[in-house]
Protein backbone atom coordinates (compact mmCIF):
# COMPACT_ATOMS: atom_id res chain seq x y z
CA UNK A 1 0.15 11.85 -3.85
CA UNK A 2 0.49 12.50 -0.03
CA UNK A 3 1.98 16.10 -0.36
CA UNK A 4 2.55 18.75 2.91
CA UNK A 5 3.86 22.30 2.78
CA UNK A 6 6.03 23.14 5.88
CA UNK A 7 5.27 26.64 6.74
CA UNK A 8 6.14 29.31 9.10
CA UNK A 9 5.60 32.92 9.91
CA UNK A 10 9.10 34.10 8.67
CA UNK A 11 11.38 32.44 5.95
CA UNK A 12 14.85 31.49 7.19
CA UNK A 13 18.01 30.91 5.31
CA UNK A 14 18.97 28.03 7.62
CA UNK A 15 17.75 25.52 9.88
CA UNK A 16 17.02 25.93 13.26
CA UNK A 17 17.57 22.59 15.30
CA UNK A 18 16.40 23.03 18.90
CA UNK A 19 18.67 22.28 21.69
CA UNK A 20 15.78 20.50 23.44
CA UNK A 21 15.88 17.66 20.97
CA UNK A 22 19.93 17.44 21.10
CA UNK A 23 19.70 17.11 24.76
CA UNK A 24 16.38 14.91 25.48
CA UNK A 25 15.66 13.03 22.22
CA UNK A 26 18.95 12.46 20.09
CA UNK A 27 20.24 9.85 21.91
CA UNK A 28 17.04 7.31 22.13
CA UNK A 29 16.11 7.94 18.43
CA UNK A 30 17.17 5.49 15.57
CA UNK A 31 18.51 6.72 12.46
CA UNK A 32 15.41 6.84 10.77
CA UNK A 33 13.51 8.93 13.20
CA UNK A 34 16.24 11.37 13.53
CA UNK A 35 16.74 12.15 9.53
CA UNK A 36 12.99 12.50 9.08
CA UNK A 37 12.70 15.07 12.07
CA UNK A 38 15.36 16.83 10.90
CA UNK A 39 14.37 16.55 7.29
CA UNK A 40 10.92 18.22 8.43
CA UNK A 41 12.47 20.95 10.09
CA UNK A 42 14.64 21.94 6.80
CA UNK A 43 11.62 21.60 4.43
CA UNK A 44 9.73 24.16 7.06
CA UNK A 45 13.04 26.36 7.23
CA UNK A 46 12.96 26.36 3.51
CA UNK A 47 8.87 26.72 3.16
CA UNK A 48 9.07 23.18 0.69
CA UNK A 49 6.31 20.92 0.08
CA UNK A 50 6.89 17.55 0.66
CA UNK A 51 5.10 14.41 1.73
CA UNK A 52 5.39 10.86 2.75
CA UNK A 53 6.30 9.41 -0.26
CA UNK A 54 8.76 12.28 -0.76
CA UNK A 55 9.97 11.41 2.56
CA UNK A 56 10.77 7.87 1.52
CA UNK A 57 12.06 8.12 -1.92
CA UNK A 58 14.80 10.97 -0.48
CA UNK A 59 16.11 8.17 2.09
CA UNK A 60 15.48 5.20 0.57
CA UNK A 61 13.26 4.43 3.14
CA UNK A 62 9.25 2.85 2.45
CA UNK A 63 6.46 4.73 3.60
CA UNK A 64 5.41 2.64 6.19
CA UNK A 65 9.02 3.56 7.75
CA UNK A 66 7.88 7.07 7.22
CA UNK A 67 4.81 6.68 9.11
CA UNK A 68 6.40 4.64 12.05
CA UNK A 69 9.06 7.69 12.58
CA UNK A 70 6.23 10.17 12.24
CA UNK A 71 4.25 8.11 15.15
CA UNK A 72 7.15 7.79 17.08
CA UNK A 73 7.79 11.79 17.51
CA UNK A 74 3.92 12.34 17.73
CA UNK A 75 4.06 9.99 20.76
CA UNK A 76 6.99 12.31 22.34
CA UNK A 77 4.80 15.34 21.76
CA UNK A 78 7.46 16.67 19.31
CA UNK A 79 4.82 16.42 16.40
CA UNK A 80 1.31 16.27 16.39
CA UNK A 81 -0.53 14.19 13.52
CA UNK A 82 -3.99 15.52 11.98
CA UNK A 83 -6.05 13.30 10.04
CA UNK A 84 -9.11 13.60 7.45
CA UNK A 85 -12.29 11.95 7.83
CA UNK A 86 -10.89 8.85 6.09
CA UNK A 87 -8.00 8.33 8.58
CA UNK A 88 -5.59 9.98 6.03
CA UNK A 89 -2.64 12.48 7.39
CA UNK A 90 -3.79 15.77 6.38
CA UNK A 91 -1.53 17.72 8.74
CA UNK A 92 1.67 17.76 10.96
CA UNK A 93 2.47 20.17 13.67
CA UNK A 94 6.09 20.85 15.02
CA UNK A 95 5.65 21.31 18.48
CA UNK A 96 8.15 23.57 20.72
CA UNK A 97 10.06 24.41 17.83
CA UNK A 98 11.14 27.63 19.56
CA UNK A 99 11.32 27.80 22.98
CA UNK A 100 10.08 31.45 23.47
CA UNK A 101 6.52 31.79 23.98
CA UNK A 102 4.62 33.91 21.55
CA UNK A 103 2.00 36.36 22.23
CA UNK A 104 -0.48 34.22 23.63
CA UNK A 105 2.06 32.93 26.26
CA UNK A 106 2.42 29.43 24.28
CA UNK A 107 5.01 27.58 23.08
CA UNK A 108 5.28 28.73 19.40
CA UNK A 109 4.80 25.88 16.97
CA UNK A 110 4.96 25.22 12.86
CA UNK A 111 2.43 24.08 10.66
CA UNK A 112 2.71 21.36 7.99
CA UNK A 113 -0.11 21.73 5.95
CA UNK A 114 -1.48 19.07 3.47
CA UNK A 115 -2.16 20.61 0.06
CA UNK A 116 -2.81 17.28 -1.33
CA UNK A 117 -4.35 14.68 0.45
CA UNK A 118 -2.57 11.26 1.62
CA UNK A 119 -4.81 8.93 -0.75
CA UNK A 120 -3.25 5.91 1.46
CA UNK A 121 -5.59 5.25 4.29
CA UNK A 122 -4.20 4.39 7.83
CA UNK A 123 -4.69 0.41 8.37
CA UNK A 124 -7.82 -0.11 10.79
CA UNK A 125 -5.51 -1.89 13.27
CA UNK A 126 -2.42 -0.57 13.94
CA UNK A 127 0.54 -2.59 12.87
CA UNK A 128 3.42 -4.10 15.49
CA UNK A 129 5.94 -0.80 16.12
CA UNK A 130 9.54 -2.56 15.81
CA UNK A 131 11.99 0.05 16.26
CA UNK A 132 15.92 -0.98 16.78
CA UNK A 133 17.49 -0.59 20.04
CA UNK A 134 20.67 1.02 20.53
CA UNK A 135 22.81 -1.62 21.64
CA UNK A 136 25.66 -2.05 24.16
CA UNK A 137 28.72 -2.92 23.14
CA UNK A 138 28.91 -5.50 25.93
CA UNK A 139 25.81 -6.83 24.39
CA UNK A 140 27.17 -7.26 20.69
CA UNK A 141 30.25 -8.86 22.23
CA UNK A 142 27.99 -11.28 23.75
CA UNK A 143 26.12 -11.96 20.93
CA UNK A 144 28.67 -12.60 18.51
CA UNK A 145 30.38 -14.96 20.92
CA UNK A 146 27.37 -17.40 20.48
CA UNK A 147 28.41 -20.05 18.53
CA UNK A 148 25.27 -20.55 16.49
CA UNK A 149 25.86 -16.82 15.63
CA UNK A 150 29.69 -17.29 14.38
CA UNK A 151 27.80 -19.73 11.98
CA UNK A 152 25.34 -17.11 10.66
CA UNK A 153 27.96 -14.37 10.62
CA UNK A 154 30.29 -16.61 8.24
CA UNK A 155 27.08 -17.56 5.88
CA UNK A 156 26.37 -13.37 5.60
CA UNK A 157 30.22 -12.70 5.35
CA UNK A 158 30.19 -15.09 2.44
CA UNK A 159 26.83 -13.72 0.81
CA UNK A 160 27.80 -9.74 1.32
CA UNK A 161 31.30 -10.71 0.30
CA UNK A 162 32.75 -8.62 2.83
CA UNK A 163 33.57 -8.09 6.72
CA UNK A 164 30.65 -7.35 8.80
CA UNK A 165 30.66 -4.14 10.41
CA UNK A 166 29.41 -3.63 14.23
CA UNK A 167 26.33 -1.81 12.79
CA UNK A 168 25.82 -4.92 10.19
CA UNK A 169 25.97 -7.29 13.40
CA UNK A 170 23.98 -4.73 15.16
CA UNK A 171 21.20 -5.34 12.40
CA UNK A 172 21.48 -9.15 12.86
CA UNK A 173 20.76 -9.21 16.40
CA UNK A 174 17.60 -6.86 15.71
CA UNK A 175 16.21 -9.43 13.54
CA UNK A 176 17.18 -12.12 15.86
CA UNK A 177 16.17 -10.50 19.30
CA UNK A 178 13.44 -8.04 18.61
CA UNK A 179 11.79 -9.63 15.68
CA UNK A 180 12.61 -13.11 17.03
CA UNK A 181 13.71 -14.41 13.38
CA UNK A 182 15.33 -17.40 13.55
CA UNK A 183 19.03 -17.82 12.21
CA UNK A 184 16.97 -19.97 8.96
CA UNK A 185 14.95 -17.07 8.34
CA UNK A 186 17.40 -14.53 8.50
CA UNK A 187 19.70 -16.53 6.30
CA UNK A 188 17.07 -17.06 3.94
CA UNK A 189 16.31 -12.89 4.28
CA UNK A 190 19.96 -12.42 3.36
CA UNK A 191 19.75 -14.56 0.60
CA UNK A 192 16.72 -13.07 -0.69
CA UNK A 193 18.34 -9.12 -0.67
CA UNK A 194 21.75 -10.29 -2.03
CA UNK A 195 20.43 -12.26 -4.87
CA UNK A 196 18.04 -8.72 -5.93
CA UNK A 197 21.58 -6.92 -5.38
CA UNK A 198 20.37 -5.34 -2.51
CA UNK A 199 23.38 -5.50 0.14
CA UNK A 200 22.70 -2.36 2.28
CA UNK A 201 21.76 -3.48 5.67
CA UNK A 202 19.10 -0.54 5.75
CA UNK A 203 17.24 -2.33 2.99
CA UNK A 204 17.65 -5.54 4.43
CA UNK A 205 16.24 -4.27 8.12
CA UNK A 206 13.20 -2.80 5.82
CA UNK A 207 12.35 -6.12 4.58
CA UNK A 208 12.84 -7.96 7.77
CA UNK A 209 10.19 -5.41 9.30
CA UNK A 210 7.72 -5.93 6.28
CA UNK A 211 8.14 -9.65 6.94
CA UNK A 212 7.60 -9.56 10.76
CA UNK A 213 4.40 -7.30 10.10
CA UNK A 214 3.24 -10.03 7.87
CA UNK A 215 3.74 -12.42 10.42
CA UNK A 216 6.63 -14.71 8.68
CA UNK A 217 8.31 -16.79 10.81
CA UNK A 218 9.92 -19.66 8.41
CA UNK A 219 11.66 -19.42 4.97
CA UNK A 220 8.87 -21.40 3.39
CA UNK A 221 6.18 -18.88 4.67
CA UNK A 222 8.97 -15.86 3.58
CA UNK A 223 9.37 -17.95 0.06
CA UNK A 224 5.59 -18.15 -0.64
CA UNK A 225 5.07 -14.25 0.27
CA UNK A 226 8.23 -13.36 -1.83
CA UNK A 227 6.75 -15.10 -4.83
CA UNK A 228 3.08 -13.87 -4.45
CA UNK A 229 4.88 -10.12 -3.87
CA UNK A 230 7.45 -10.86 -6.88
CA UNK A 231 4.17 -12.40 -9.16
CA UNK A 232 2.25 -9.36 -8.62
CA UNK A 233 4.98 -6.40 -8.83
CA UNK A 234 6.55 -8.02 -11.70
CA UNK A 235 3.06 -8.62 -13.79
CA UNK A 236 1.94 -5.14 -13.13
CA UNK A 237 5.38 -3.86 -14.44
CA UNK A 238 5.04 -5.69 -17.73
CA UNK A 239 1.96 -4.62 -18.41
CA UNK A 240 3.03 -0.57 -18.27
CA UNK A 241 6.12 -1.89 -20.29
CA UNK A 242 8.65 -1.53 -17.75
CA UNK A 243 11.55 -3.95 -17.38
CA UNK A 244 14.45 -4.41 -15.18
CA UNK A 245 13.56 -4.21 -11.48
CA UNK A 246 11.37 -1.76 -9.64
CA UNK A 247 11.98 1.56 -7.54
CA UNK A 248 11.14 2.19 -4.19
CA UNK A 249 8.86 4.70 -5.95
CA UNK A 250 6.93 2.27 -8.39
CA UNK A 251 6.87 -0.41 -5.65
CA UNK A 252 5.06 2.27 -3.33
CA UNK A 253 2.50 2.46 -6.17
CA UNK A 254 2.11 -1.07 -6.55
CA UNK A 255 1.31 -1.41 -3.02
CA UNK A 256 -1.43 1.38 -2.88
CA UNK A 257 -3.20 -0.33 -5.84
CA UNK A 258 -2.91 -3.64 -4.14
CA UNK A 259 -3.20 -3.25 -0.56
CA UNK A 260 -4.91 0.23 0.34
CA UNK A 261 -7.09 -0.14 -2.90
CA UNK A 262 -7.62 -3.38 -2.72
CA UNK A 263 -8.15 -3.73 -6.35
CA UNK A 264 -7.72 -6.94 -8.30
CA UNK A 265 -5.18 -8.28 -10.89
CA UNK A 266 -7.58 -7.70 -13.38
CA UNK A 267 -8.69 -4.05 -12.86
CA UNK A 268 -5.04 -3.01 -12.29
CA UNK A 269 -4.27 -4.45 -15.77
CA UNK A 270 -6.92 -2.78 -17.51
CA UNK A 271 -5.68 0.94 -15.49
CA UNK A 272 -2.09 -0.20 -17.49
CA UNK A 273 -3.62 -1.09 -20.50
CA UNK A 274 -5.25 2.11 -20.71
CA UNK A 275 -2.39 4.26 -19.69
CA UNK A 276 0.36 2.33 -22.66
CA UNK A 277 -2.41 3.39 -25.04
CA UNK A 278 -2.37 6.95 -23.76
CA UNK A 279 1.20 7.73 -22.67
CA UNK A 280 4.70 6.43 -23.05
CA UNK A 281 6.16 8.89 -20.16
CA UNK A 282 4.85 8.87 -16.90
CA UNK A 283 3.19 5.82 -17.14
CA UNK A 284 2.88 5.04 -13.04
CA UNK A 285 1.06 8.16 -12.38
CA UNK A 286 -1.03 7.92 -15.24
CA UNK A 287 -2.29 4.64 -14.29
CA UNK A 288 -2.48 5.80 -10.49
CA UNK A 289 -4.77 8.61 -11.85
CA UNK A 290 -6.88 5.74 -13.12
CA UNK A 291 -7.08 4.13 -10.34
CA UNK A 292 -7.77 6.33 -8.06
CA UNK A 293 -10.48 8.19 -9.75
CA UNK A 294 -12.20 4.30 -10.09
CA UNK A 295 -11.70 3.91 -6.31
CA UNK A 296 -13.61 7.23 -5.76
CA UNK A 297 -16.43 5.96 -8.44
CA UNK A 298 -16.44 2.57 -6.40
CA UNK A 299 -15.15 0.28 -9.02
CA UNK A 300 -14.93 -3.24 -7.74
CA UNK A 301 -15.22 -5.09 -10.76
CA UNK A 302 -14.44 -5.16 -14.58
CA UNK A 303 -18.36 -4.90 -14.92
CA UNK A 304 -18.49 -1.71 -12.94
CA UNK A 305 -15.79 -0.28 -15.56
CA UNK A 306 -18.09 -1.31 -18.46
CA UNK A 307 -20.76 0.85 -16.91
CA UNK A 308 -18.61 3.42 -16.36
CA UNK A 309 -18.11 3.45 -20.11
CA UNK A 310 -21.34 2.83 -21.36
CA UNK A 311 -22.69 5.60 -19.26
CA UNK A 312 -20.22 7.54 -20.99
CA UNK A 313 -20.92 6.76 -23.97
CA UNK A 314 -24.73 7.79 -23.39
CA UNK A 315 -23.95 11.12 -22.26
CA UNK A 316 -21.71 12.01 -24.85
CA UNK A 317 -24.42 10.81 -27.54
CA UNK A 318 -26.96 12.97 -25.97
CA UNK A 319 -24.66 16.07 -25.57
CA UNK A 320 -25.43 18.58 -28.47
CA UNK A 321 -22.24 20.35 -30.00
CA UNK A 322 -19.72 18.40 -27.91
CA UNK A 323 -16.42 18.58 -29.73
CA UNK A 324 -14.41 15.62 -30.04
CA UNK A 325 -11.70 15.02 -27.86
CA UNK A 326 -7.91 14.10 -28.79
CA UNK A 327 -7.80 10.65 -29.79
CA UNK A 328 -5.22 7.97 -29.50
CA UNK A 329 -3.94 6.00 -32.20
CA UNK A 330 -7.80 5.96 -33.21
CA UNK A 331 -11.07 4.69 -31.00
CA UNK A 332 -10.62 2.40 -27.94
CA UNK A 333 -12.11 2.24 -24.49
CA UNK A 334 -9.34 4.19 -22.87
CA UNK A 335 -10.66 7.33 -24.98
CA UNK A 336 -14.18 6.72 -23.67
CA UNK A 337 -13.36 6.30 -20.16
CA UNK A 338 -10.68 9.05 -20.42
CA UNK A 339 -13.32 11.96 -21.78
CA UNK A 340 -15.26 11.11 -18.97
CA UNK A 341 -13.09 11.40 -15.98
CA UNK A 342 -9.69 13.17 -17.74
CA UNK A 343 -8.57 15.85 -20.04
CA UNK A 344 -5.11 14.44 -20.85
CA UNK A 345 -3.48 17.20 -21.70
CA UNK A 346 -4.12 18.84 -17.95
CA UNK A 347 -3.34 15.66 -16.44
CA UNK A 348 0.22 15.14 -18.43
CA UNK A 349 1.00 18.85 -17.42
CA UNK A 350 0.26 18.32 -13.32
CA UNK A 351 2.44 15.04 -13.65
CA UNK A 352 5.36 16.86 -15.16
CA UNK A 353 4.63 20.14 -12.85
CA UNK A 354 5.13 17.41 -9.69
């Protein structure tokens, strides 16, 4: 888990927002950027731990949304991001938090120190940055007067079941003007989200950005992408004994395993099978522990997993006076793997404490 502790020299019971932030940066920043910057200040003032996935959960954003906001503030030089050797975010410094110089004559700042390094490496190629502009009323009015826009908005209102607000119309303009979606693709996007009982335009906007990042330009491409996405996500959900729609946090785990770790579905399913044999709670966290361990051990196939199991069996046989570990429903391959890598009780305690 990518978790950070936001700290400063003196604890305070309230959150300080620099006047410079309000005067110079507030008007230009979008909703997500403002929320995330203020949330970092809040965590700092409370001396509480937070992280990319935690922030995403708080605001119902994707982790990519959070990273985009952090990069935005880095470009504005209000924060500095630190990375480890694997290009994972391992620290954040809030610059110019207070406008009084410290003893060294430099403007004070606050450090956000990583206590658990981010396990999700940054992509080698920077994805395009899609930031929603602030549209003027004249711009929105001109957009609404287009004949094709009127037809599109009528269809969307039918799907949503209510009139569109100015903010909703701004999102549609963003999809058209910035993401360069055709009206057919916008129509398909709205239907896709509504069918999943997601009518929040912030959610629709984030899905649209994900599609743009994956260079989707037509409903046909979107359908193929969504079918592949749904098969993978719901297949993993079933393997972990989960029913119903996945939460954002569960989707973030699945994205990590499939995209960042680049594990094939059979390896992920094997980890899920072992998880189900071991526990009936915190299954995503437990499976993540297994897959993270396999990644560190450079597992690339099920044959590599079998080799790890065999290595453990050999070391267990050779070790004199070793005490048997706790079994879960009798002998199985999961027990062999877990003995080599995990103390189940300790892992469960760690999950519950987080």
